[in-house]
PDB file of N, CA and C in Angstrom:
ATOM      1  N   MET A   1      -5.029  11.617   9.114  1.00  0.00           N
ATOM      2  CA  MET A   1      -6.042  11.472  10.036  1.00  0.00           C
ATOM      3  C   MET A   1      -6.421   9.990  10.213  1.00  0.00           C
ATOM      4  N   ILE A   2      -6.505   9.473  11.339  1.00  0.00           N
ATOM      5  CA  ILE A   2      -6.871   8.083  11.622  1.00  0.00           C
ATOM      6  C   ILE A   2      -8.368   8.051  12.113  1.00  0.00           C
ATOM      7  N   ILE A   3      -9.076   7.184  11.508  1.00  0.00           N
ATOM      8  CA  ILE A   3     -10.469   7.018  11.893  1.00  0.00           C
ATOM      9  C   ILE A   3     -10.632   5.537  12.393  1.00  0.00           C
ATOM     10  N   ARG A   4     -11.118   5.419  13.560  1.00  0.00           N
ATOM     11  CA  ARG A   4     -11.336   4.110  14.178  1.00  0.00           C
ATOM     12  C   ARG A   4     -12.833   3.814  14.328  1.00  0.00           C
ATOM     13  N   LYS A   5     -13.158   2.646  14.051  1.00  0.00           N
ATOM     14  CA  LYS A   5     -14.565   2.294  14.121  1.00  0.00           C
ATOM     15  C   LYS A   5     -14.644   0.790  14.481  1.00  0.00           C
ATOM     16  N   GLU A   6     -15.469   0.545  15.522  1.00  0.00           N
ATOM     17  CA  GLU A   6     -15.685  -0.835  15.869  1.00  0.00           C
ATOM     18  C   GLU A   6     -16.835  -1.430  15.058  1.00  0.00           C
ATOM     19  N   ILE A   7     -16.588  -2.649  14.615  1.00  0.00           N
ATOM     20  CA  ILE A   7     -17.584  -3.313  13.808  1.00  0.00           C
ATOM     21  C   ILE A   7     -18.081  -4.526  14.573  1.00  0.00           C
ATOM     22  N   ASP A   8     -19.393  -4.630  14.705  1.00  0.00           N
ATOM     23  CA  ASP A   8     -19.983  -5.767  15.350  1.00  0.00           C
ATOM     24  C   ASP A   8     -20.334  -6.753  14.294  1.00  0.00           C
ATOM     25  N   VAL A   9     -19.499  -7.804  14.194  1.00  0.00           N
ATOM     26  CA  VAL A   9     -19.744  -8.791  13.078  1.00  0.00           C
ATOM     27  C   VAL A   9     -20.998  -9.600  13.304  1.00  0.00           C
ATOM     28  N   LYS A  10     -21.503  -9.610  14.487  1.00  0.00           N
ATOM     29  CA  LYS A  10     -22.717 -10.365  14.791  1.00  0.00           C
ATOM     30  C   LYS A  10     -23.993  -9.598  14.351  1.00  0.00           C
ATOM     31  N   LYS A  11     -23.903  -8.358  14.251  1.00  0.00           N
ATOM     32  CA  LYS A  11     -25.014  -7.514  13.879  1.00  0.00           C
ATOM     33  C   LYS A  11     -25.278  -7.643  12.370  1.00  0.00           C
ATOM     34  N   PRO A  12     -26.554  -7.752  11.975  1.00  0.00           N
ATOM     35  CA  PRO A  12     -26.836  -7.947  10.582  1.00  0.00           C
ATOM     36  C   PRO A  12     -26.528  -6.702   9.740  1.00  0.00           C
ATOM     37  N   LEU A  13     -26.248  -6.887   8.447  1.00  0.00           N
ATOM     38  CA  LEU A  13     -25.848  -5.778   7.595  1.00  0.00           C
ATOM     39  C   LEU A  13     -27.039  -4.830   7.361  1.00  0.00           C
ATOM     40  N   THR A  14     -26.705  -3.573   7.246  1.00  0.00           N
ATOM     41  CA  THR A  14     -27.756  -2.589   6.878  1.00  0.00           C
ATOM     42  C   THR A  14     -28.022  -2.726   5.354  1.00  0.00           C
ATOM     43  N   ASP A  15     -29.052  -2.117   4.864  1.00  0.00           N
ATOM     44  CA  ASP A  15     -29.404  -2.083   3.431  1.00  0.00           C
ATOM     45  C   ASP A  15     -28.226  -1.415   2.654  1.00  0.00           C
ATOM     46  N   VAL A  16     -27.685  -0.325   3.241  1.00  0.00           N
ATOM     47  CA  VAL A  16     -26.632   0.409   2.610  1.00  0.00           C
ATOM     48  C   VAL A  16     -25.380  -0.449   2.468  1.00  0.00           C
ATOM     49  N   GLN A  17     -25.049  -1.141   3.564  1.00  0.00           N
ATOM     50  CA  GLN A  17     -23.874  -2.035   3.562  1.00  0.00           C
ATOM     51  C   GLN A  17     -24.062  -3.153   2.530  1.00  0.00           C
ATOM     52  N   ARG A  18     -25.269  -3.693   2.471  1.00  0.00           N
ATOM     53  CA  ARG A  18     -25.539  -4.825   1.517  1.00  0.00           C
ATOM     54  C   ARG A  18     -25.380  -4.274   0.069  1.00  0.00           C
ATOM     55  N   GLN A  19     -25.880  -3.019  -0.201  1.00  0.00           N
ATOM     56  CA  GLN A  19     -25.825  -2.486  -1.552  1.00  0.00           C
ATOM     57  C   GLN A  19     -24.303  -2.152  -1.893  1.00  0.00           C
ATOM     58  N   MET A  20     -23.556  -1.742  -0.963  1.00  0.00           N
ATOM     59  CA  MET A  20     -22.082  -1.552  -1.229  1.00  0.00           C
ATOM     60  C   MET A  20     -21.405  -2.803  -1.548  1.00  0.00           C
ATOM     61  N   LEU A  21     -21.682  -3.878  -0.897  1.00  0.00           N
ATOM     62  CA  LEU A  21     -21.074  -5.169  -1.120  1.00  0.00           C
ATOM     63  C   LEU A  21     -21.497  -5.700  -2.473  1.00  0.00           C
ATOM     64  N   GLU A  22     -22.752  -5.503  -2.820  1.00  0.00           N
ATOM     65  CA  GLU A  22     -23.294  -6.019  -4.062  1.00  0.00           C
ATOM     66  C   GLU A  22     -22.591  -5.191  -5.259  1.00  0.00           C
ATOM     67  N   ALA A  23     -22.383  -3.911  -5.033  1.00  0.00           N
ATOM     68  CA  ALA A  23     -21.670  -3.090  -6.098  1.00  0.00           C
ATOM     69  C   ALA A  23     -20.229  -3.519  -6.215  1.00  0.00           C
ATOM     70  N   LEU A  24     -19.621  -3.816  -5.136  1.00  0.00           N
ATOM     71  CA  LEU A  24     -18.174  -4.314  -5.215  1.00  0.00           C
ATOM     72  C   LEU A  24     -18.076  -5.644  -5.878  1.00  0.00           C
ATOM     73  N   GLN A  25     -19.101  -6.491  -5.745  1.00  0.00           N
ATOM     74  CA  GLN A  25     -19.085  -7.811  -6.369  1.00  0.00           C
ATOM     75  C   GLN A  25     -18.866  -7.730  -7.887  1.00  0.00           C
ATOM     76  N   ASP A  26     -19.428  -6.710  -8.454  1.00  0.00           N
ATOM     77  CA  ASP A  26     -19.344  -6.532  -9.901  1.00  0.00           C
ATOM     78  C   ASP A  26     -18.057  -5.902 -10.368  1.00  0.00           C
ATOM     79  N   GLN A  27     -17.248  -5.348  -9.464  1.00  0.00           N
ATOM     80  CA  GLN A  27     -15.986  -4.688  -9.808  1.00  0.00           C
ATOM     81  C   GLN A  27     -14.922  -5.701 -10.252  1.00  0.00           C
ATOM     82  N   PRO A  28     -14.044  -5.362 -11.131  1.00  0.00           N
ATOM     83  CA  PRO A  28     -12.947  -6.293 -11.428  1.00  0.00           C
ATOM     84  C   PRO A  28     -11.946  -6.279 -10.252  1.00  0.00           C
ATOM     85  N   THR A  29     -11.268  -7.403 -10.114  1.00  0.00           N
ATOM     86  CA  THR A  29     -10.343  -7.600  -9.005  1.00  0.00           C
ATOM     87  C   THR A  29      -8.925  -7.216  -9.351  1.00  0.00           C
ATOM     88  N   ASP A  30      -8.683  -6.588 -10.498  1.00  0.00           N
ATOM     89  CA  ASP A  30      -7.354  -6.194 -10.945  1.00  0.00           C
ATOM     90  C   ASP A  30      -6.896  -4.981 -10.143  1.00  0.00           C
ATOM     91  N   PRO A  31      -5.859  -5.149  -9.218  1.00  0.00           N
ATOM     92  CA  PRO A  31      -5.507  -4.052  -8.383  1.00  0.00           C
ATOM     93  C   PRO A  31      -4.780  -2.925  -9.085  1.00  0.00           C
ATOM     94  N   ASP A  32      -4.312  -3.210 -10.290  1.00  0.00           N
ATOM     95  CA  ASP A  32      -3.539  -2.117 -11.061  1.00  0.00           C
ATOM     96  C   ASP A  32      -4.301  -1.470 -12.136  1.00  0.00           C
ATOM     97  N   ASN A  33      -5.628  -1.607 -12.192  1.00  0.00           N
ATOM     98  CA  ASN A  33      -6.405  -1.133 -13.276  1.00  0.00           C
ATOM     99  C   ASN A  33      -6.415   0.409 -13.291  1.00  0.00           C
ATOM    100  N   ASP A  34      -6.092   1.128 -12.238  1.00  0.00           N
ATOM    101  CA  ASP A  34      -6.156   2.546 -12.265  1.00  0.00           C
ATOM    102  C   ASP A  34      -4.706   3.148 -12.127  1.00  0.00           C
ATOM    103  N   ILE A  35      -3.706   2.362 -12.193  1.00  0.00           N
ATOM    104  CA  ILE A  35      -2.325   2.791 -12.047  1.00  0.00           C
ATOM    105  C   ILE A  35      -1.610   2.548 -13.354  1.00  0.00           C
ATOM    106  N   PRO A  36      -1.095   3.565 -14.010  1.00  0.00           N
ATOM    107  CA  PRO A  36      -0.394   3.345 -15.300  1.00  0.00           C
ATOM    108  C   PRO A  36       0.967   2.750 -15.082  1.00  0.00           C
ATOM    109  N   GLU A  37       1.427   2.024 -16.026  1.00  0.00           N
ATOM    110  CA  GLU A  37       2.812   1.446 -15.931  1.00  0.00           C
ATOM    111  C   GLU A  37       3.802   2.531 -15.998  1.00  0.00           C
ATOM    112  N   LEU A  38       4.965   2.336 -15.377  1.00  0.00           N
ATOM    113  CA  LEU A  38       6.081   3.300 -15.392  1.00  0.00           C
ATOM    114  C   LEU A  38       6.784   3.230 -16.724  1.00  0.00           C
ATOM    115  N   THR A  39       7.218   4.394 -17.167  1.00  0.00           N
ATOM    116  CA  THR A  39       8.022   4.458 -18.390  1.00  0.00           C
ATOM    117  C   THR A  39       9.390   4.003 -18.078  1.00  0.00           C
ATOM    118  N   GLU A  40      10.240   3.790 -19.123  1.00  0.00           N
ATOM    119  CA  GLU A  40      11.596   3.419 -18.912  1.00  0.00           C
ATOM    120  C   GLU A  40      12.350   4.521 -18.187  1.00  0.00           C
ATOM    121  N   GLU A  41      12.046   5.753 -18.486  1.00  0.00           N
ATOM    122  CA  GLU A  41      12.725   6.850 -17.792  1.00  0.00           C
ATOM    123  C   GLU A  41      12.365   6.882 -16.291  1.00  0.00           C
ATOM    124  N   GLN A  42      11.141   6.644 -15.966  1.00  0.00           N
ATOM    125  CA  GLN A  42      10.747   6.572 -14.588  1.00  0.00           C
ATOM    126  C   GLN A  42      11.468   5.500 -13.810  1.00  0.00           C
ATOM    127  N   ILE A  43      11.558   4.383 -14.463  1.00  0.00           N
ATOM    128  CA  ILE A  43      12.242   3.244 -13.878  1.00  0.00           C
ATOM    129  C   ILE A  43      13.681   3.534 -13.652  1.00  0.00           C
ATOM    130  N   ARG A  44      14.322   4.213 -14.608  1.00  0.00           N
ATOM    131  CA  ARG A  44      15.743   4.583 -14.342  1.00  0.00           C
ATOM    132  C   ARG A  44      15.903   5.559 -13.201  1.00  0.00           C
ATOM    133  N   GLN A  45      14.945   6.349 -12.917  1.00  0.00           N
ATOM    134  CA  GLN A  45      15.035   7.316 -11.826  1.00  0.00           C
ATOM    135  C   GLN A  45      14.859   6.695 -10.446  1.00  0.00           C
ATOM    136  N   LEU A  46      14.363   5.507 -10.409  1.00  0.00           N
ATOM    137  CA  LEU A  46      14.165   4.845  -9.105  1.00  0.00           C
ATOM    138  C   LEU A  46      15.527   4.515  -8.504  1.00  0.00           C
ATOM    139  N   HIS A  47      15.583   4.622  -7.222  1.00  0.00           N
ATOM    140  CA  HIS A  47      16.840   4.283  -6.491  1.00  0.00           C
ATOM    141  C   HIS A  47      16.511   3.314  -5.420  1.00  0.00           C
ATOM    142  N   PRO A  48      17.357   2.346  -5.174  1.00  0.00           N
ATOM    143  CA  PRO A  48      17.085   1.397  -4.114  1.00  0.00           C
ATOM    144  C   PRO A  48      17.174   2.104  -2.767  1.00  0.00           C
ATOM    145  N   ARG A  49      16.338   1.709  -1.868  1.00  0.00           N
ATOM    146  CA  ARG A  49      16.365   2.296  -0.444  1.00  0.00           C
ATOM    147  C   ARG A  49      17.684   1.863   0.175  1.00  0.00           C
ATOM    148  N   ARG A  50      18.334   2.796   0.740  1.00  0.00           N
ATOM    149  CA  ARG A  50      19.599   2.531   1.454  1.00  0.00           C
ATOM    150  C   ARG A  50      19.420   2.817   2.914  1.00  0.00           C
ATOM    151  N   ASN A  51      20.060   1.959   3.720  1.00  0.00           N
ATOM    152  CA  ASN A  51      20.001   2.164   5.171  1.00  0.00           C
ATOM    153  C   ASN A  51      21.023   3.206   5.549  1.00  0.00           C
ATOM    154  N   PRO A  52      20.727   4.307   6.066  1.00  0.00           N
ATOM    155  CA  PRO A  52      21.745   5.285   6.395  1.00  0.00           C
ATOM    156  C   PRO A  52      22.668   4.803   7.518  1.00  0.00           C
ATOM    157  N   TYR A  53      22.190   3.945   8.380  1.00  0.00           N
ATOM    158  CA  TYR A  53      23.000   3.387   9.485  1.00  0.00           C
ATOM    159  C   TYR A  53      24.037   2.436   9.030  1.00  0.00           C
ATOM    160  N   ALA A  54      23.708   1.692   7.889  1.00  0.00           N
ATOM    161  CA  ALA A  54      24.694   0.793   7.318  1.00  0.00           C
ATOM    162  C   ALA A  54      25.889   1.548   6.805  1.00  0.00           C
ATOM    163  N   THR A  55      25.744   2.710   6.235  1.00  0.00           N
ATOM    164  CA  THR A  55      26.853   3.507   5.759  1.00  0.00           C
ATOM    165  C   THR A  55      27.752   3.903   6.906  1.00  0.00           C
ATOM    166  N   ARG A  56      27.130   4.322   8.027  1.00  0.00           N
ATOM    167  CA  ARG A  56      27.868   4.696   9.191  1.00  0.00           C
ATOM    168  C   ARG A  56      28.654   3.530   9.800  1.00  0.00           C
ATOM    169  N   LEU A  57      28.046   2.372   9.775  1.00  0.00           N
ATOM    170  CA  LEU A  57      28.728   1.175  10.305  1.00  0.00           C
ATOM    171  C   LEU A  57      29.890   0.852   9.468  1.00  0.00           C
ATOM    172  N   LYS A  58      29.768   0.926   8.139  1.00  0.00           N
ATOM    173  CA  LYS A  58      30.941   0.639   7.256  1.00  0.00           C
ATOM    174  C   LYS A  58      32.056   1.556   7.464  1.00  0.00           C
ATOM    175  N   LYS A  59      31.746   2.884   7.622  1.00  0.00           N
ATOM    176  CA  LYS A  59      32.813   3.899   7.958  1.00  0.00           C
ATOM    177  C   LYS A  59      33.487   3.583   9.302  1.00  0.00           C
ATOM    178  N   HIS A  60      32.637   3.250  10.308  1.00  0.00           N
ATOM    179  CA  HIS A  60      33.168   3.005  11.661  1.00  0.00           C
ATOM    180  C   HIS A  60      34.074   1.728  11.609  1.00  0.00           C
ATOM    181  N   ARG A  61      33.631   0.720  10.938  1.00  0.00           N
ATOM    182  CA  ARG A  61      34.391  -0.486  10.920  1.00  0.00           C
ATOM    183  C   ARG A  61      35.747  -0.360  10.099  1.00  0.00           C
ATOM    184  N   SER A  62      35.681   0.482   9.066  1.00  0.00           N
ATOM    185  CA  SER A  62      36.911   0.616   8.291  1.00  0.00           C
ATOM    186  C   SER A  62      37.945   1.509   8.996  1.00  0.00           C
ATOM    187  N   GLN A  63      37.519   2.257   9.969  1.00  0.00           N
ATOM    188  CA  GLN A  63      38.449   3.070  10.748  1.00  0.00           C
ATOM    189  C   GLN A  63      39.081   2.366  11.924  1.00  0.00           C
ATOM    190  N   GLY A  64      38.416   1.300  12.380  1.00  0.00           N
ATOM    191  CA  GLY A  64      38.787   0.532  13.555  1.00  0.00           C
ATOM    192  C   GLY A  64      39.717  -0.528  13.202  1.00  0.00           C
TER     193      GLY A  64
END
């Protein structure tokens, strides 16, 4: 679901918005603090993304 909202930056902040910003100010800025590190097994299971069209092009070029 996409939610769109226009924000008037010239309009002063409400008390609720100010409280939200003040609460965020005290939060740590570490983006990974709620994401555990991958195990060695999980890393081994990762596969690089492959372009399906590149495979077709290679087959086409090798036939021509």
